[in-house]
Protein backbone atom coordinates (compact mmCIF):
# COMPACT_ATOMS: atom_id res chain seq x y z
CA MET A 1 0.00 0.00 0.00
CA ILE A 2 2.80 2.37 0.87
CA SER A 3 4.56 1.59 -2.45
CA THR A 4 1.51 2.39 -4.64
CA MET A 5 0.64 5.86 -3.27
CA PRO A 6 3.43 7.77 -5.02
CA ARG A 7 2.34 6.34 -8.41
CA ALA A 8 -1.27 7.51 -7.89
CA ALA A 9 -0.12 10.95 -6.91
CA LEU A 10 2.12 11.09 -9.94
CA ARG A 11 -0.76 10.14 -12.26
CA SER A 12 -2.97 12.82 -10.73
CA LEU A 13 -0.26 15.38 -11.19
CA LEU A 14 0.25 14.49 -14.87
CA LEU A 15 -3.49 14.52 -15.57
CA GLY A 16 -3.82 17.99 -14.07
CA ALA A 17 -0.96 19.28 -16.19
CA LEU A 18 -2.54 17.91 -19.37
CA LEU A 19 -5.87 19.52 -18.54
CA ALA A 20 -4.16 22.83 -17.93
CA LEU A 21 -2.40 22.67 -21.30
CA ALA A 22 -5.65 21.80 -23.09
CA SER A 23 -7.48 24.71 -21.51
CA CYS A 24 -4.93 27.27 -22.78
CA GLY A 25 -4.02 25.65 -26.11
CA GLY A 26 -6.02 28.27 -28.14
CA ASN A 27 -3.71 30.99 -26.90
CA GLY A 28 -0.59 29.47 -28.42
CA PRO A 29 1.14 30.89 -31.54
CA THR A 30 -0.86 28.63 -33.91
CA GLY A 31 -4.28 29.16 -32.32
CA ALA A 32 -7.20 30.87 -33.99
CA SER A 33 -7.58 33.49 -31.25
CA GLY A 34 -4.00 34.31 -30.29
CA SER A 35 -3.10 37.67 -28.90
CA ASP A 36 -1.21 38.53 -32.14
CA ARG A 37 -4.44 38.42 -34.36
CA PRO A 38 -7.30 40.89 -34.03
CA ALA A 39 -10.38 39.55 -32.35
CA GLY A 40 -13.03 38.27 -34.80
CA SER A 41 -10.65 37.89 -37.82
CA GLY A 42 -10.73 34.57 -39.73
CA GLY A 43 -9.26 33.04 -42.92
CA PRO A 44 -6.29 34.30 -44.96
CA PRO A 45 -5.48 38.00 -45.19
CA PRO A 46 -6.84 39.99 -48.21
CA ALA A 47 -4.83 39.55 -51.42
CA LYS A 48 -3.26 42.60 -52.98
CA VAL A 49 -4.24 43.01 -56.65
CA ILE A 50 -3.96 45.53 -59.48
CA THR A 51 -7.08 46.45 -61.43
CA ALA A 52 -7.79 48.15 -64.75
CA LYS A 53 -10.90 49.91 -65.94
CA ILE A 54 -12.86 48.51 -68.85
CA ASP A 55 -12.45 50.61 -71.97
CA ARG A 56 -15.37 51.18 -74.34
CA ARG A 57 -14.23 52.31 -77.77
CA PRO A 58 -14.80 51.69 -81.50
CA PHE A 59 -13.32 48.36 -82.49
CA GLY A 60 -13.53 46.19 -85.57
CA PRO A 61 -12.47 42.55 -85.44
CA GLN A 62 -9.45 41.52 -87.46
CA ILE A 63 -10.45 39.21 -90.29
CA GLU A 64 -7.92 37.00 -92.04
CA ALA A 65 -8.50 35.07 -95.25
CA VAL A 66 -6.77 33.81 -98.37
CA GLY A 67 -7.68 34.84 -101.88
CA THR A 68 -6.70 34.98 -105.52
CA ALA A 69 -5.56 38.01 -107.49
CA LEU A 70 -7.40 38.70 -110.74
CA SER A 71 -6.96 41.33 -113.44
CA ARG A 72 -9.38 44.23 -113.38
CA GLU A 73 -10.20 43.31 -116.99
CA SER A 74 -9.20 40.06 -118.68
CA VAL A 75 -10.05 38.60 -122.08
CA GLU A 76 -8.95 35.93 -124.53
CA ILE A 77 -8.24 37.41 -127.94
CA THR A 78 -10.10 35.36 -130.59
CA PRO A 79 -11.16 36.02 -134.20
CA LYS A 80 -14.76 36.55 -135.25
CA ILE A 81 -14.30 34.86 -138.61
CA ALA A 82 -12.43 31.89 -140.04
CA ASN A 83 -9.37 33.11 -141.90
CA VAL A 84 -5.60 32.85 -142.34
CA ILE A 85 -3.21 34.95 -140.25
CA THR A 86 -1.08 37.22 -142.42
CA ARG A 87 0.68 39.26 -139.72
CA ILE A 88 1.15 39.27 -135.94
CA ARG A 89 1.77 42.77 -134.61
CA PHE A 90 2.31 42.26 -130.88
CA ALA A 91 5.08 40.88 -128.70
CA GLU A 92 4.45 38.56 -125.80
CA GLY A 93 4.11 40.51 -122.55
CA GLN A 94 3.75 43.82 -124.36
CA LEU A 95 1.80 46.72 -122.90
CA VAL A 96 -0.68 47.91 -125.52
CA ALA A 97 -3.19 50.73 -125.69
CA ALA A 98 -6.87 50.27 -126.40
CA GLY A 99 -7.42 49.85 -130.14
CA THR A 100 -3.88 48.65 -130.91
CA VAL A 101 -3.78 46.24 -133.86
CA LEU A 102 -2.70 42.81 -132.61
CA VAL A 103 -3.27 40.51 -135.60
CA GLU A 104 -4.08 40.93 -139.28
CA LEU A 105 -5.95 38.26 -141.24
CA ASP A 106 -6.11 37.74 -145.00
CA ARG A 107 -8.35 40.51 -146.32
CA ALA A 108 -8.44 39.67 -150.03
CA GLN A 109 -11.81 37.90 -150.05
CA ALA A 110 -13.40 40.40 -147.69
CA ALA A 111 -12.13 43.34 -149.75
CA ALA A 112 -13.47 41.79 -152.97
CA ALA A 113 -16.84 41.15 -151.35
CA LEU A 114 -17.02 44.77 -150.22
CA ALA A 115 -16.16 46.04 -153.70
CA GLU A 116 -18.87 43.85 -155.23
CA ALA A 117 -21.45 45.01 -152.69
CA GLU A 118 -20.58 48.66 -153.31
CA ALA A 119 -20.91 48.17 -157.09
CA ASN A 120 -24.31 46.54 -156.70
CA LEU A 121 -25.42 49.38 -154.44
CA ALA A 122 -24.31 51.94 -157.00
CA GLU A 123 -26.32 50.20 -159.73
CA SER A 124 -29.40 49.97 -157.50
CA SER A 125 -29.10 53.65 -156.64
CA ASN A 126 -28.89 54.64 -160.30
CA GLN A 127 -31.98 52.58 -161.18
CA PHE A 128 -33.90 54.12 -158.29
CA ASN A 129 -32.97 57.64 -159.35
CA ARG A 130 -34.11 56.99 -162.94
CA GLY A 131 -37.31 55.39 -161.70
CA ARG A 132 -38.06 58.36 -159.49
CA ASP A 133 -37.75 60.68 -162.48
CA LEU A 134 -40.08 58.47 -164.51
CA SER A 135 -42.63 58.33 -161.71
CA VAL A 136 -43.10 62.07 -162.03
CA THR A 137 -44.55 61.57 -165.51
CA GLN A 138 -46.34 58.41 -164.34
CA ALA A 139 -44.23 56.30 -166.68
CA LEU A 140 -43.36 54.13 -163.68
CA SER A 141 -45.86 52.88 -161.14
CA LYS A 142 -45.46 53.46 -157.43
CA ALA A 143 -45.12 49.71 -156.84
CA GLN A 144 -42.20 49.53 -159.26
CA LEU A 145 -40.57 52.53 -157.59
CA ASP A 146 -40.96 50.88 -154.19
CA GLN A 147 -39.18 47.77 -155.51
CA LEU A 148 -36.27 49.90 -156.70
CA GLU A 149 -36.08 51.63 -153.30
CA THR A 150 -36.06 48.27 -151.54
CA ALA A 151 -33.18 47.15 -153.76
CA VAL A 152 -31.20 50.22 -152.66
CA LYS A 153 -31.79 49.49 -148.97
CA THR A 154 -30.81 45.85 -149.48
CA GLY A 155 -27.62 46.97 -151.22
CA GLU A 156 -26.78 49.32 -148.35
CA SER A 157 -27.17 46.46 -145.86
CA ARG A 158 -24.90 44.22 -147.93
CA VAL A 159 -22.25 46.93 -148.11
CA ALA A 160 -22.38 47.38 -144.33
CA ALA A 161 -22.04 43.62 -143.80
CA ALA A 162 -19.13 43.38 -146.22
CA ARG A 163 -17.39 46.35 -144.59
CA ALA A 164 -17.81 44.75 -141.14
CA ARG A 165 -16.38 41.49 -142.44
CA LEU A 166 -13.39 43.38 -143.80
CA GLU A 167 -12.92 45.11 -140.45
CA ASP A 168 -12.98 41.70 -138.76
CA THR A 169 -9.74 40.84 -140.56
CA VAL A 170 -8.00 43.29 -138.21
CA ILE A 171 -8.02 42.21 -134.56
CA ARG A 172 -7.51 45.01 -132.04
CA ALA A 173 -7.02 45.28 -128.29
CA PRO A 174 -10.42 46.01 -126.69
CA PHE A 175 -8.76 47.82 -123.77
CA ALA A 176 -5.31 48.81 -122.55
CA GLY A 177 -3.36 45.99 -120.96
CA ARG A 178 -0.57 43.46 -121.22
CA THR A 179 -0.59 40.67 -123.77
CA GLY A 180 0.07 37.08 -122.80
CA LEU A 181 1.82 34.27 -124.63
CA ARG A 182 1.18 33.90 -128.36
CA LYS A 183 -0.79 30.76 -129.25
CA VAL A 184 -0.72 31.03 -133.07
CA SER A 185 1.71 31.65 -135.92
CA PRO A 186 1.58 33.61 -139.19
CA GLY A 187 0.00 31.54 -141.95
CA GLY A 188 -2.09 29.55 -139.51
CA LEU A 189 -5.81 29.10 -140.02
CA VAL A 190 -7.92 30.38 -137.14
CA ASN A 191 -11.61 29.97 -136.46
CA PRO A 192 -14.04 31.76 -134.14
CA GLY A 193 -13.03 30.71 -130.62
CA THR A 194 -9.36 30.06 -131.45
CA VAL A 195 -7.29 31.72 -128.70
CA ILE A 196 -4.61 33.96 -130.21
CA THR A 197 -3.38 35.39 -126.89
CA THR A 198 -4.70 36.86 -123.65
CA LEU A 199 -4.98 40.48 -122.60
CA ASP A 200 -5.02 41.62 -118.97
CA ASP A 201 -5.49 45.07 -117.49
CA SER A 202 -3.45 44.69 -114.31
CA SER A 203 -2.96 48.35 -113.44
CA VAL A 204 -5.46 47.67 -110.68
CA MET A 205 -5.97 44.11 -109.47
CA LYS A 206 -9.09 42.49 -108.13
CA LEU A 207 -8.69 40.25 -105.09
CA GLU A 208 -11.38 37.68 -104.44
CA PHE A 209 -11.66 35.88 -101.09
CA THR A 210 -14.28 34.44 -98.75
CA VAL A 211 -15.01 35.00 -95.07
CA PRO A 212 -17.32 33.14 -92.67
CA GLN A 213 -20.89 34.39 -92.52
CA SER A 214 -20.37 35.37 -88.87
CA PHE A 215 -18.46 38.44 -90.11
CA LEU A 216 -21.36 39.71 -92.23
CA LYS A 217 -22.21 42.47 -89.75
CA ASP A 218 -18.58 43.65 -89.70
CA LEU A 219 -18.25 44.21 -93.46
CA SER A 220 -19.01 47.24 -95.58
CA LEU A 221 -17.88 48.73 -98.87
CA GLY A 222 -14.71 50.78 -98.65
CA LEU A 223 -13.13 48.92 -95.72
CA PRO A 224 -9.32 48.91 -96.09
CA VAL A 225 -7.62 45.64 -96.99
CA GLU A 226 -4.01 44.49 -96.77
CA ALA A 227 -2.77 41.58 -98.86
CA ARG A 228 0.56 39.78 -99.04
CA ALA A 229 2.05 37.27 -101.46
CA GLU A 230 4.80 34.91 -100.38
CA GLY A 231 6.21 34.92 -103.90
CA LEU A 232 6.78 38.68 -103.62
CA GLY A 233 8.62 38.60 -100.30
CA ASN A 234 5.46 39.25 -98.27
CA ARG A 235 5.25 42.76 -99.68
CA VAL A 236 2.08 44.49 -98.48
CA PHE A 237 -0.44 45.69 -101.07
CA ALA A 238 -3.13 48.08 -99.86
CA GLY A 239 -6.66 48.28 -101.19
CA LYS A 240 -10.31 48.42 -100.22
CA ILE A 241 -13.48 46.35 -100.50
CA THR A 242 -15.39 47.19 -103.68
CA ALA A 243 -18.08 44.47 -103.76
CA ILE A 244 -19.81 42.05 -101.37
CA ASP A 245 -21.72 39.13 -102.83
CA SER A 246 -25.49 39.23 -102.43
CA ARG A 247 -25.57 35.53 -101.51
CA ILE A 248 -23.95 33.25 -98.94
CA ASP A 249 -22.73 29.85 -100.09
CA PRO A 250 -25.23 27.34 -98.63
CA VAL A 251 -22.54 24.64 -98.37
CA THR A 252 -19.59 26.51 -96.87
CA ARG A 253 -21.65 29.29 -95.21
CA ALA A 254 -19.06 31.72 -96.53
CA LEU A 255 -19.47 35.12 -98.14
CA SER A 256 -17.50 36.11 -101.25
CA ILE A 257 -15.72 39.47 -101.12
CA ARG A 258 -13.98 41.44 -103.86
CA ALA A 259 -11.36 44.10 -103.21
CA GLU A 260 -9.18 46.22 -105.47
CA LEU A 261 -5.41 46.57 -104.99
CA ALA A 262 -3.15 49.19 -106.54
CA ASN A 263 -0.61 47.60 -108.89
CA SER A 264 1.11 50.49 -110.62
CA ASP A 265 4.41 48.64 -111.02
CA GLY A 266 2.79 45.46 -112.31
CA ALA A 267 4.22 43.25 -109.57
CA LEU A 268 0.93 41.41 -109.03
CA ARG A 269 -0.05 38.80 -111.61
CA PRO A 270 -3.44 37.19 -112.24
CA GLY A 271 -3.86 33.94 -110.34
CA LEU A 272 -1.46 34.90 -107.54
CA PHE A 273 -2.32 33.34 -104.16
CA MET A 274 -2.48 35.98 -101.44
CA SER A 275 -3.12 36.16 -97.71
CA THR A 276 -5.55 38.90 -96.75
CA ARG A 277 -6.14 40.89 -93.60
CA LEU A 278 -8.77 43.51 -92.89
CA ARG A 279 -10.31 45.22 -89.91
CA GLY A 280 -14.07 44.90 -89.62
CA LYS A 281 -16.46 47.83 -89.38
CA PRO A 282 -15.77 49.63 -86.06
CA ILE A 283 -18.51 49.47 -83.42
CA ASP A 284 -18.49 50.43 -79.73
CA THR A 285 -16.96 47.48 -77.89
CA LEU A 286 -15.80 46.69 -74.34
CA MET A 287 -12.03 46.15 -74.36
CA ILE A 288 -9.94 44.74 -71.49
CA PRO A 289 -6.23 43.92 -71.11
CA GLU A 290 -5.38 40.38 -72.20
CA GLU A 291 -3.73 39.57 -68.88
CA ALA A 292 -7.12 39.77 -67.15
CA LEU A 293 -8.28 36.57 -68.86
CA VAL A 294 -8.32 33.37 -66.81
CA PRO A 295 -8.88 30.30 -69.04
CA GLU A 296 -10.23 27.22 -67.30
CA GLN A 297 -11.62 23.98 -68.75
CA GLY A 298 -12.44 25.45 -72.13
CA LYS A 299 -14.08 28.57 -70.71
CA THR A 300 -12.78 32.07 -70.11
CA TYR A 301 -13.19 34.02 -66.88
CA VAL A 302 -12.15 37.34 -65.39
CA PHE A 303 -12.20 38.63 -61.83
CA VAL A 304 -13.91 41.93 -61.04
CA VAL A 305 -13.70 43.76 -57.72
CA ILE A 306 -17.01 44.48 -56.02
CA ASP A 307 -17.18 45.78 -52.42
CA GLY A 308 -13.63 44.67 -51.72
CA LYS A 309 -14.16 41.13 -52.99
CA ALA A 310 -12.97 39.31 -56.10
CA ILE A 311 -15.95 38.06 -58.09
CA ARG A 312 -15.36 35.60 -60.92
CA ARG A 313 -17.35 36.08 -64.13
CA GLU A 314 -17.48 34.03 -67.28
CA VAL A 315 -17.00 36.13 -70.42
CA ARG A 316 -17.32 35.67 -74.16
CA THR A 317 -14.40 37.13 -76.07
CA GLY A 318 -14.24 38.57 -79.57
CA GLY A 319 -11.45 39.97 -81.70
CA ARG A 320 -8.09 41.12 -80.43
CA GLU A 321 -5.63 43.90 -80.92
CA PRO A 322 -2.14 44.21 -79.40
CA GLY A 323 -2.54 43.88 -75.62
CA TYR A 324 -6.35 43.97 -75.59
CA VAL A 325 -9.28 41.67 -76.23
CA ALA A 326 -12.90 42.50 -77.05
CA ILE A 327 -15.56 41.31 -74.59
CA LEU A 328 -18.87 40.45 -76.21
CA ASP A 329 -20.73 39.31 -73.10
CA GLY A 330 -20.27 38.98 -69.34
CA LEU A 331 -19.03 42.42 -68.26
CA ASP A 332 -20.31 45.92 -67.74
CA SER A 333 -18.41 49.08 -68.61
CA ALA A 334 -18.49 50.14 -64.95
CA ASP A 335 -16.57 47.05 -63.81
CA ALA A 336 -12.89 46.99 -62.91
CA VAL A 337 -11.02 43.80 -63.77
CA ILE A 338 -8.04 42.31 -61.96
CA VAL A 339 -4.99 42.32 -64.23
CA GLU A 340 -2.29 41.42 -61.69
CA GLY A 341 -2.68 38.92 -58.87
CA THR A 342 -5.38 36.69 -60.34
CA GLN A 343 -3.40 33.64 -59.22
CA ARG A 344 -3.73 34.76 -55.59
CA VAL A 345 -7.49 35.30 -55.46
CA ARG A 346 -10.52 33.08 -55.20
CA ASP A 347 -14.15 33.73 -56.05
CA GLY A 348 -15.62 35.81 -53.22
CA GLY A 349 -12.28 36.32 -51.49
CA LYS A 350 -11.34 39.67 -50.00
CA VAL A 351 -8.84 41.78 -51.89
CA ILE A 352 -7.01 45.05 -51.55
CA ALA A 353 -7.24 46.61 -55.00
CA GLU A 354 -5.02 49.30 -56.46
CA PRO A 355 -5.70 50.81 -59.91
CA ARG A 356 -3.05 50.36 -62.54
CA ALA A 357 -0.90 53.45 -62.88
């Protein structure tokens, strides 16, 4: 009995010490109510962030496409009649003015036909004049005089047709431009539809390209266009939209656009593949700095500061320009977005916000 009393006293003493420690454990350095933390405070301290105001300004989305350069005017030079080439009067790649003679065909038959038609007309005219004099004395009936007059008109028509056929033996440039490769030789027989050469007016080039139908609202005549061609060292050619197709392709859901590009030095050639860039029609748009965007699981969010708290909002973005992105939905112009410190905040968490300088 004497030997067990000290152990009981020792156990009582240890138990009392443990209870004392438990009762004051909340006042230690890791407790929730220590003397070093203000009474009533809980959770992590507010995160310091930098905010930027949302800018509303005219903005047009950047549209990129690929297209093909075409001559402003382009034609295949062909004869109207079947005949033999007697002379070729152009060089391949030559710049020619409108009306320049390109090819001469054999004119012997056409000239003879014209001479015959003119002789017949002269005879018909003489007979009509004599008949008119006779009709005054009623030696010739009105019906006979009418027949003579009809013969004159028929002769005039035949002369005009023969003269046109003679003119068709000379093939001229219908407009100013550059000739292509020669497809025929002197002495060769050509028929209507035989291609002699091509003629292109490339002083101004047409550029045809397509854009998705979603950009329909952003397009208008006169919008500036920039186009580049890899084969020309990515040189930039400036132009503007001159035509927008009245229909949308029901298969591709794309809209055909035509622009004109200046080509005073002739660097652009028909058929050239070009990359195109244009800025859509400006409309008032909310713009925010790109660094405010927080992508997550295929969606895009931003944090706005409301009453000292970071509030996460899902947004729908549009076009971009250097450093900024257009917001189509999800924000109001009065909001301020967090641009620095987004990695330190959580939805609903307290923040200390400072505006960007």
